[in-house]
Protein backbone atom coordinates (compact mmCIF):
# COMPACT_ATOMS: atom_id res chain seq x y z
CA UNK A 1 -19.56 151.81 32.36
CA UNK A 2 -16.71 153.55 30.17
CA UNK A 3 -14.11 150.45 30.77
CA UNK A 4 -16.91 148.49 28.43
CA UNK A 5 -15.88 151.18 25.60
CA UNK A 6 -12.73 150.08 23.44
CA UNK A 7 -10.86 153.02 22.17
CA UNK A 8 -11.76 151.57 18.40
CA UNK A 9 -15.17 151.87 19.26
CA UNK A 10 -14.84 155.27 20.47
CA UNK A 11 -13.03 156.88 17.50
CA UNK A 12 -15.85 155.21 15.11
CA UNK A 13 -18.42 156.93 17.17
CA UNK A 14 -16.79 160.09 16.97
CA UNK A 15 -15.87 159.71 13.46
CA UNK A 16 -19.53 158.98 12.53
CA UNK A 17 -20.74 161.54 14.70
CA UNK A 18 -18.24 164.20 12.87
CA UNK A 19 -19.60 162.91 9.18
CA UNK A 20 -23.04 163.78 10.17
CA UNK A 21 -22.37 166.90 11.82
CA UNK A 22 -20.62 168.24 8.77
CA UNK A 23 -22.96 166.94 6.33
CA UNK A 24 -25.94 168.68 8.43
CA UNK A 25 -24.01 171.83 8.39
CA UNK A 26 -22.95 171.62 4.53
CA UNK A 27 -26.66 170.95 3.69
CA UNK A 28 -28.15 173.46 6.13
CA UNK A 29 -25.90 176.49 5.19
CA UNK A 30 -24.13 175.78 1.69
CA UNK A 31 -26.84 174.32 -0.32
CA UNK A 32 -27.28 176.51 -3.01
CA UNK A 33 -23.39 176.04 -3.41
CA UNK A 34 -23.27 172.08 -3.67
CA UNK A 35 -26.11 172.23 -5.98
CA UNK A 36 -24.40 174.51 -8.08
CA UNK A 37 -20.94 172.78 -8.23
CA UNK A 38 -23.07 169.36 -8.90
CA UNK A 39 -24.74 170.95 -11.85
CA UNK A 40 -22.43 172.67 -12.78
CA UNK A 41 -24.20 176.12 -12.93
CA UNK A 42 -22.92 179.12 -10.95
CA UNK A 43 -24.01 180.86 -7.81
CA UNK A 44 -26.57 183.31 -8.25
CA UNK A 45 -25.66 185.85 -5.37
CA UNK A 46 -22.48 187.30 -5.22
CA UNK A 47 -19.87 187.35 -2.14
CA UNK A 48 -21.00 189.89 0.44
CA UNK A 49 -17.47 191.71 -0.07
CA UNK A 50 -17.83 191.91 -3.95
CA UNK A 51 -18.25 195.20 -5.56
CA UNK A 52 -21.48 196.68 -7.03
CA UNK A 53 -22.02 196.22 -10.61
CA UNK A 54 -21.23 198.91 -13.19
CA UNK A 55 -24.81 199.50 -13.95
CA UNK A 56 -25.41 200.02 -10.25
CA UNK A 57 -26.62 203.79 -9.28
CA UNK A 58 -24.06 205.79 -7.35
CA UNK A 59 -25.18 206.34 -3.00
CA UNK A 60 -26.08 209.43 -2.58
CA UNK A 61 -22.93 211.71 -0.59
CA UNK A 62 -23.95 215.04 -1.47
CA UNK A 63 -25.60 216.30 2.00
CA UNK A 64 -22.32 214.98 3.75
CA UNK A 65 -18.32 216.27 3.97
CA UNK A 66 -15.45 214.46 3.02
CA UNK A 67 -15.20 213.40 6.81
CA UNK A 68 -18.59 211.88 7.11
CA UNK A 69 -19.76 215.26 8.91
CA UNK A 70 -23.72 216.24 7.74
CA UNK A 71 -23.01 219.60 5.87
CA UNK A 72 -24.98 222.49 7.07
CA UNK A 73 -26.38 225.07 5.18
CA UNK A 74 -26.18 227.89 7.72
CA UNK A 75 -29.99 227.57 8.51
CA UNK A 76 -29.79 226.20 11.90
CA UNK A 77 -33.28 226.28 13.58
CA UNK A 78 -31.97 225.39 16.95
CA UNK A 79 -32.75 227.53 19.85
CA UNK A 80 -29.53 228.80 22.31
CA UNK A 81 -30.75 228.90 25.69
């Protein structure tokens, strides 16, 4: 069965399969980016590791110490046995 397929046919089939696969991945996961590139507009959502904009409110950290532990107000209500 495999002897009836030439190397040329195999390479052509693999090339077409790769093109179809990468087109599917590109359209599935990068549709907005591709459309923005084609239309010349910018992508609206920033990358995940981008810093927050300057107008964003600061995150509350008043109830944590510098090492990330919760502050204690000395009013511990746990029972000691």
